[in-house]
Amino acid sequence: MQRAALLDAARSLLSEGGTEALTFPALAERTGLARSSVYEYFRSRAAVVEELCEVDFPVWAAEVEAAMAAAEGPEAKVEAYVRRQLALVGDRRHRAVVAISASELDAGAREKIRAAHGGLVAMIVDALGELGHAEPRLAAMLVQGVVDAAVRRIELGVEELSAVTEAAVGMVVRGVRG
C-alpha cells in the first residue's frame, strides 16, 4: 500500500510541477512517510519513473488495444490508435511519465520505456500491412512519430486537444491510404 501511495504521489507531483516537483522530501510529505522511508522503496527519481512506466504503460496499451479492437477495418483501427493515445494525454498517469525527459533516466529505464513504446507501435503493424504498405513496421514508426508530435503540442497547451487530435488523425489517415 505504501508503494502504491508513493507512486500516486509521484504522479500528482509530476503532473502538477514537472520534473522539479518530484523530490523525495515532497514524496515523503505527500504520503506522510519519513524521507528515509521513501528510500526504502526507491533508490532514485529514475526508479520512481521506471516503476510508474511499468505500472501505468500496460493500462494505456490495453486502452489503445481495446479501442482498436472495437474499430472495423484496418483504416479505422489506425484512426482508433491515434485517437485513443491522444485522448490519454490528459490522464495524469501519462502526464507524469511525460514530465521527465528520457535523458534524466538511467539506461535501464530508457530501455524499458523504448520497449513499451515498441509494443504500442506493434499494435498497428498488421493494420498497416492490410492497407498495403510494403514496410508496415516503418509506417507504424512514422505514425507514432505523428502521435508523439501531437502529444508535444497538446502538452504545450497552445492548441486545443480537439484541434491537435483532428489534425493528427487527418494526417495519419490520409497518409496511410497512400
C-alpha atoms as a PDB file:
ATOM      1  CA  MET A   1       0.000   0.000   0.000  1.00  0.00           C
ATOM      2  CA  GLN A   2       2.858   2.383   0.777  1.00  0.00           C
ATOM      3  CA  ARG A   3       4.455   1.761  -2.610  1.00  0.00           C
ATOM      4  CA  ALA A   4       1.141   2.480  -4.356  1.00  0.00           C
ATOM      5  CA  ALA A   5       0.726   5.660  -2.295  1.00  0.00           C
ATOM      6  CA  LEU A   6       4.237   6.772  -3.273  1.00  0.00           C
ATOM      7  CA  LEU A   7       3.513   6.146  -6.959  1.00  0.00           C
ATOM      8  CA  ASP A   8       0.245   8.050  -6.726  1.00  0.00           C
ATOM      9  CA  ALA A   9       2.028  10.950  -5.024  1.00  0.00           C
ATOM     10  CA  ALA A  10       4.717  10.870  -7.739  1.00  0.00           C
ATOM     11  CA  ARG A  11       2.041  11.051 -10.455  1.00  0.00           C
ATOM     12  CA  SER A  12       0.497  14.075  -8.770  1.00  0.00           C
ATOM     13  CA  LEU A  13       3.807  15.837  -8.249  1.00  0.00           C
ATOM     14  CA  LEU A  14       4.918  15.289 -11.837  1.00  0.00           C
ATOM     15  CA  SER A  15       1.550  16.344 -13.229  1.00  0.00           C
ATOM     16  CA  GLU A  16       1.425  19.481 -11.115  1.00  0.00           C
ATOM     17  CA  GLY A  17       5.006  20.651 -11.205  1.00  0.00           C
ATOM     18  CA  GLY A  18       7.023  18.614 -13.667  1.00  0.00           C
ATOM     19  CA  THR A  19      10.444  17.170 -13.029  1.00  0.00           C
ATOM     20  CA  GLU A  20      11.472  19.677 -10.406  1.00  0.00           C
ATOM     21  CA  ALA A  21       8.498  18.777  -8.224  1.00  0.00           C
ATOM     22  CA  LEU A  22       9.443  15.110  -7.940  1.00  0.00           C
ATOM     23  CA  THR A  23      11.734  15.030  -4.924  1.00  0.00           C
ATOM     24  CA  PHE A  24      11.986  12.535  -2.124  1.00  0.00           C
ATOM     25  CA  PRO A  25      11.107  15.170   0.502  1.00  0.00           C
ATOM     26  CA  ALA A  26       7.964  16.029  -1.492  1.00  0.00           C
ATOM     27  CA  LEU A  27       7.067  12.341  -1.810  1.00  0.00           C
ATOM     28  CA  ALA A  28       7.542  11.932   1.932  1.00  0.00           C
ATOM     29  CA  GLU A  29       5.370  14.946   2.662  1.00  0.00           C
ATOM     30  CA  ARG A  30       2.581  13.810   0.317  1.00  0.00           C
ATOM     31  CA  THR A  31       2.471  10.326   1.789  1.00  0.00           C
ATOM     32  CA  GLY A  32       3.178  11.149   5.423  1.00  0.00           C
ATOM     33  CA  LEU A  33       6.296   8.980   5.411  1.00  0.00           C
ATOM     34  CA  ALA A  34       9.713   9.889   6.686  1.00  0.00           C
ATOM     35  CA  ARG A  35      12.112  10.828   3.902  1.00  0.00           C
ATOM     36  CA  SER A  36      14.319   7.870   4.792  1.00  0.00           C
ATOM     37  CA  SER A  37      11.323   5.574   4.307  1.00  0.00           C
ATOM     38  CA  VAL A  38      10.961   6.719   0.700  1.00  0.00           C
ATOM     39  CA  TYR A  39      14.490   5.446   0.045  1.00  0.00           C
ATOM     40  CA  GLU A  40      13.417   2.018   1.277  1.00  0.00           C
ATOM     41  CA  TYR A  41      11.060   1.804  -1.702  1.00  0.00           C
ATOM     42  CA  PHE A  42      13.008   3.653  -4.421  1.00  0.00           C
ATOM     43  CA  ARG A  43      16.726   4.297  -4.868  1.00  0.00           C
ATOM     44  CA  SER A  44      16.263   7.338  -7.165  1.00  0.00           C
ATOM     45  CA  ARG A  45      13.791   9.501  -9.064  1.00  0.00           C
ATOM     46  CA  ALA A  46      14.567   7.423 -12.136  1.00  0.00           C
ATOM     47  CA  ALA A  47      13.474   4.314 -10.234  1.00  0.00           C
ATOM     48  CA  VAL A  48      10.169   6.003  -9.397  1.00  0.00           C
ATOM     49  CA  VAL A  49       9.579   6.900 -13.044  1.00  0.00           C
ATOM     50  CA  GLU A  50      10.636   3.441 -14.191  1.00  0.00           C
ATOM     51  CA  GLU A  51       8.065   1.847 -11.903  1.00  0.00           C
ATOM     52  CA  LEU A  52       5.397   4.333 -12.994  1.00  0.00           C
ATOM     53  CA  CYS A  53       6.032   3.207 -16.557  1.00  0.00           C
ATOM     54  CA  GLU A  54       5.885  -0.461 -15.601  1.00  0.00           C
ATOM     55  CA  VAL A  55       2.586   0.036 -13.768  1.00  0.00           C
ATOM     56  CA  ASP A  56       0.859   2.572 -15.996  1.00  0.00           C
ATOM     57  CA  PHE A  57       2.003   1.739 -19.514  1.00  0.00           C
ATOM     58  CA  PRO A  58       0.170  -1.604 -19.697  1.00  0.00           C
ATOM     59  CA  VAL A  59      -3.037   0.223 -18.719  1.00  0.00           C
ATOM     60  CA  TRP A  60      -2.603   2.723 -21.572  1.00  0.00           C
ATOM     61  CA  ALA A  61      -1.679  -0.038 -24.013  1.00  0.00           C
ATOM     62  CA  ALA A  62      -4.784  -2.014 -23.045  1.00  0.00           C
ATOM     63  CA  GLU A  63      -6.947   1.056 -23.647  1.00  0.00           C
ATOM     64  CA  VAL A  64      -5.414   1.622 -27.077  1.00  0.00           C
ATOM     65  CA  GLU A  65      -5.781  -2.065 -27.905  1.00  0.00           C
ATOM     66  CA  ALA A  66      -9.441  -2.059 -26.835  1.00  0.00           C
ATOM     67  CA  ALA A  67     -10.170   0.989 -28.989  1.00  0.00           C
ATOM     68  CA  MET A  68      -8.542  -0.710 -31.961  1.00  0.00           C
ATOM     69  CA  ALA A  69     -10.428  -3.953 -31.335  1.00  0.00           C
ATOM     70  CA  ALA A  70     -13.725  -2.057 -31.400  1.00  0.00           C
ATOM     71  CA  ALA A  71     -12.865  -0.497 -34.778  1.00  0.00           C
ATOM     72  CA  GLU A  72     -13.836  -2.217 -38.007  1.00  0.00           C
ATOM     73  CA  GLY A  73     -11.282  -2.389 -40.771  1.00  0.00           C
ATOM     74  CA  PRO A  74      -7.600  -1.506 -40.870  1.00  0.00           C
ATOM     75  CA  GLU A  75      -8.040   2.230 -41.525  1.00  0.00           C
ATOM     76  CA  ALA A  76     -10.456   2.562 -38.599  1.00  0.00           C
ATOM     77  CA  LYS A  77      -8.003   0.656 -36.405  1.00  0.00           C
ATOM     78  CA  VAL A  78      -5.219   3.095 -37.265  1.00  0.00           C
ATOM     79  CA  GLU A  79      -7.534   6.025 -36.548  1.00  0.00           C
ATOM     80  CA  ALA A  80      -8.528   4.483 -33.197  1.00  0.00           C
ATOM     81  CA  TYR A  81      -4.837   4.014 -32.380  1.00  0.00           C
ATOM     82  CA  VAL A  82      -4.147   7.715 -32.857  1.00  0.00           C
ATOM     83  CA  ARG A  83      -7.335   8.989 -31.209  1.00  0.00           C
ATOM     84  CA  ARG A  84      -7.021   6.850 -28.094  1.00  0.00           C
ATOM     85  CA  GLN A  85      -3.393   7.762 -27.479  1.00  0.00           C
ATOM     86  CA  LEU A  86      -4.180  11.458 -27.784  1.00  0.00           C
ATOM     87  CA  ALA A  87      -7.224  11.106 -25.547  1.00  0.00           C
ATOM     88  CA  LEU A  88      -4.939   9.624 -22.884  1.00  0.00           C
ATOM     89  CA  VAL A  89      -2.659  12.674 -22.875  1.00  0.00           C
ATOM     90  CA  GLY A  90      -4.849  14.381 -20.280  1.00  0.00           C
ATOM     91  CA  ASP A  91      -4.639  11.373 -17.961  1.00  0.00           C
ATOM     92  CA  ARG A  92      -2.345  12.299 -15.081  1.00  0.00           C
ATOM     93  CA  ARG A  93      -0.583   8.942 -15.351  1.00  0.00           C
ATOM     94  CA  HIS A  94       0.512   9.892 -18.851  1.00  0.00           C
ATOM     95  CA  ARG A  95       1.377  13.448 -17.863  1.00  0.00           C
ATOM     96  CA  ALA A  96       3.543  12.146 -15.040  1.00  0.00           C
ATOM     97  CA  VAL A  97       5.730   9.990 -17.240  1.00  0.00           C
ATOM     98  CA  VAL A  98       5.985  12.633 -19.977  1.00  0.00           C
ATOM     99  CA  ALA A  99       7.138  15.168 -17.381  1.00  0.00           C
ATOM    100  CA  ILE A 100      10.549  13.538 -17.024  1.00  0.00           C
ATOM    101  CA  SER A 101      12.713  13.541 -20.113  1.00  0.00           C
ATOM    102  CA  ALA A 102      14.356  10.290 -21.112  1.00  0.00           C
ATOM    103  CA  SER A 103      17.783  11.901 -20.730  1.00  0.00           C
ATOM    104  CA  GLU A 104      17.326  12.026 -16.962  1.00  0.00           C
ATOM    105  CA  LEU A 105      16.720   8.309 -16.714  1.00  0.00           C
ATOM    106  CA  ASP A 106      19.320   5.621 -16.466  1.00  0.00           C
ATOM    107  CA  ALA A 107      19.898   3.310 -19.423  1.00  0.00           C
ATOM    108  CA  GLY A 108      17.695   0.554 -17.974  1.00  0.00           C
ATOM    109  CA  ALA A 109      14.736   2.886 -17.517  1.00  0.00           C
ATOM    110  CA  ARG A 110      15.139   4.333 -21.017  1.00  0.00           C
ATOM    111  CA  GLU A 111      15.263   0.825 -22.478  1.00  0.00           C
ATOM    112  CA  LYS A 112      12.066  -0.193 -20.673  1.00  0.00           C
ATOM    113  CA  ILE A 113      10.285   2.886 -21.993  1.00  0.00           C
ATOM    114  CA  ARG A 114      11.549   2.186 -25.537  1.00  0.00           C
ATOM    115  CA  ALA A 115      10.374  -1.417 -25.300  1.00  0.00           C
ATOM    116  CA  ALA A 116       6.952  -0.342 -24.057  1.00  0.00           C
ATOM    117  CA  HIS A 117       6.607   2.126 -26.934  1.00  0.00           C
ATOM    118  CA  GLY A 118       7.748  -0.592 -29.330  1.00  0.00           C
ATOM    119  CA  GLY A 119       4.917  -2.796 -28.097  1.00  0.00           C
ATOM    120  CA  LEU A 120       2.471   0.020 -28.685  1.00  0.00           C
ATOM    121  CA  VAL A 121       3.746   0.598 -32.227  1.00  0.00           C
ATOM    122  CA  ALA A 122       3.496  -3.138 -32.951  1.00  0.00           C
ATOM    123  CA  MET A 123      -0.266  -2.896 -32.443  1.00  0.00           C
ATOM    124  CA  ILE A 124      -0.796  -1.167 -35.794  1.00  0.00           C
ATOM    125  CA  VAL A 125       1.718  -3.039 -37.939  1.00  0.00           C
ATOM    126  CA  ASP A 126      -0.876  -5.598 -39.075  1.00  0.00           C
ATOM    127  CA  ALA A 127      -3.438  -2.916 -39.915  1.00  0.00           C
ATOM    128  CA  LEU A 128      -0.863  -1.048 -41.990  1.00  0.00           C
ATOM    129  CA  GLY A 129       0.087  -4.289 -43.735  1.00  0.00           C
ATOM    130  CA  GLU A 130      -3.591  -4.850 -44.575  1.00  0.00           C
ATOM    131  CA  LEU A 131      -3.660  -1.358 -46.075  1.00  0.00           C
ATOM    132  CA  GLY A 132      -0.913  -2.448 -48.464  1.00  0.00           C
ATOM    133  CA  HIS A 133       2.170  -0.811 -47.005  1.00  0.00           C
ATOM    134  CA  ALA A 134       5.300  -2.567 -48.225  1.00  0.00           C
ATOM    135  CA  GLU A 135       7.068  -1.739 -44.956  1.00  0.00           C
ATOM    136  CA  PRO A 136       4.337  -1.705 -42.308  1.00  0.00           C
ATOM    137  CA  ARG A 137       6.803  -1.536 -39.369  1.00  0.00           C
ATOM    138  CA  LEU A 138       8.389   1.605 -40.799  1.00  0.00           C
ATOM    139  CA  ALA A 139       4.940   3.076 -41.485  1.00  0.00           C
ATOM    140  CA  ALA A 140       3.951   2.285 -37.881  1.00  0.00           C
ATOM    141  CA  MET A 141       7.014   4.120 -36.573  1.00  0.00           C
ATOM    142  CA  LEU A 142       6.129   7.137 -38.715  1.00  0.00           C
ATOM    143  CA  VAL A 143       2.527   7.087 -37.480  1.00  0.00           C
ATOM    144  CA  GLN A 144       3.849   7.030 -33.918  1.00  0.00           C
ATOM    145  CA  GLY A 145       6.055   9.990 -34.805  1.00  0.00           C
ATOM    146  CA  VAL A 146       2.930  11.970 -35.701  1.00  0.00           C
ATOM    147  CA  VAL A 147       1.318  10.873 -32.424  1.00  0.00           C
ATOM    148  CA  ASP A 148       4.413  11.891 -30.454  1.00  0.00           C
ATOM    149  CA  ALA A 149       4.491  15.302 -32.141  1.00  0.00           C
ATOM    150  CA  ALA A 150       0.787  15.760 -31.390  1.00  0.00           C
ATOM    151  CA  VAL A 151       1.403  14.831 -27.731  1.00  0.00           C
ATOM    152  CA  ARG A 152       4.093  17.505 -27.505  1.00  0.00           C
ATOM    153  CA  ARG A 153       1.715  20.106 -28.987  1.00  0.00           C
ATOM    154  CA  ILE A 154      -1.008  19.112 -26.543  1.00  0.00           C
ATOM    155  CA  GLU A 155       1.425  19.279 -23.630  1.00  0.00           C
ATOM    156  CA  LEU A 156       2.406  22.818 -24.668  1.00  0.00           C
ATOM    157  CA  GLY A 157      -1.235  23.815 -24.335  1.00  0.00           C
ATOM    158  CA  VAL A 158      -1.102  26.178 -27.306  1.00  0.00           C
ATOM    159  CA  GLU A 159      -3.838  24.477 -29.334  1.00  0.00           C
ATOM    160  CA  GLU A 160      -6.997  22.766 -28.202  1.00  0.00           C
ATOM    161  CA  LEU A 161      -6.825  18.990 -27.747  1.00  0.00           C
ATOM    162  CA  SER A 162      -9.564  18.513 -30.348  1.00  0.00           C
ATOM    163  CA  ALA A 163      -7.739  20.624 -32.949  1.00  0.00           C
ATOM    164  CA  VAL A 164      -4.479  18.731 -32.473  1.00  0.00           C
ATOM    165  CA  THR A 165      -6.290  15.394 -32.494  1.00  0.00           C
ATOM    166  CA  GLU A 166      -8.178  16.131 -35.704  1.00  0.00           C
ATOM    167  CA  ALA A 167      -5.020  17.396 -37.432  1.00  0.00           C
ATOM    168  CA  ALA A 168      -3.044  14.303 -36.386  1.00  0.00           C
ATOM    169  CA  VAL A 169      -5.831  11.884 -37.329  1.00  0.00           C
ATOM    170  CA  GLY A 170      -6.251  13.605 -40.700  1.00  0.00           C
ATOM    171  CA  MET A 171      -2.539  13.443 -41.466  1.00  0.00           C
ATOM    172  CA  VAL A 172      -2.245   9.811 -40.434  1.00  0.00           C
ATOM    173  CA  VAL A 173      -5.387   8.529 -42.137  1.00  0.00           C
ATOM    174  CA  ARG A 174      -4.647  10.348 -45.402  1.00  0.00           C
ATOM    175  CA  GLY A 175      -1.042   9.179 -45.156  1.00  0.00           C
ATOM    176  CA  VAL A 176      -1.817   5.519 -44.576  1.00  0.00           C
ATOM    177  CA  ARG A 177      -4.189   5.500 -47.525  1.00  0.00           C
ATOM    178  CA  GLY A 178      -1.128   6.247 -49.596  1.00  0.00           C
END
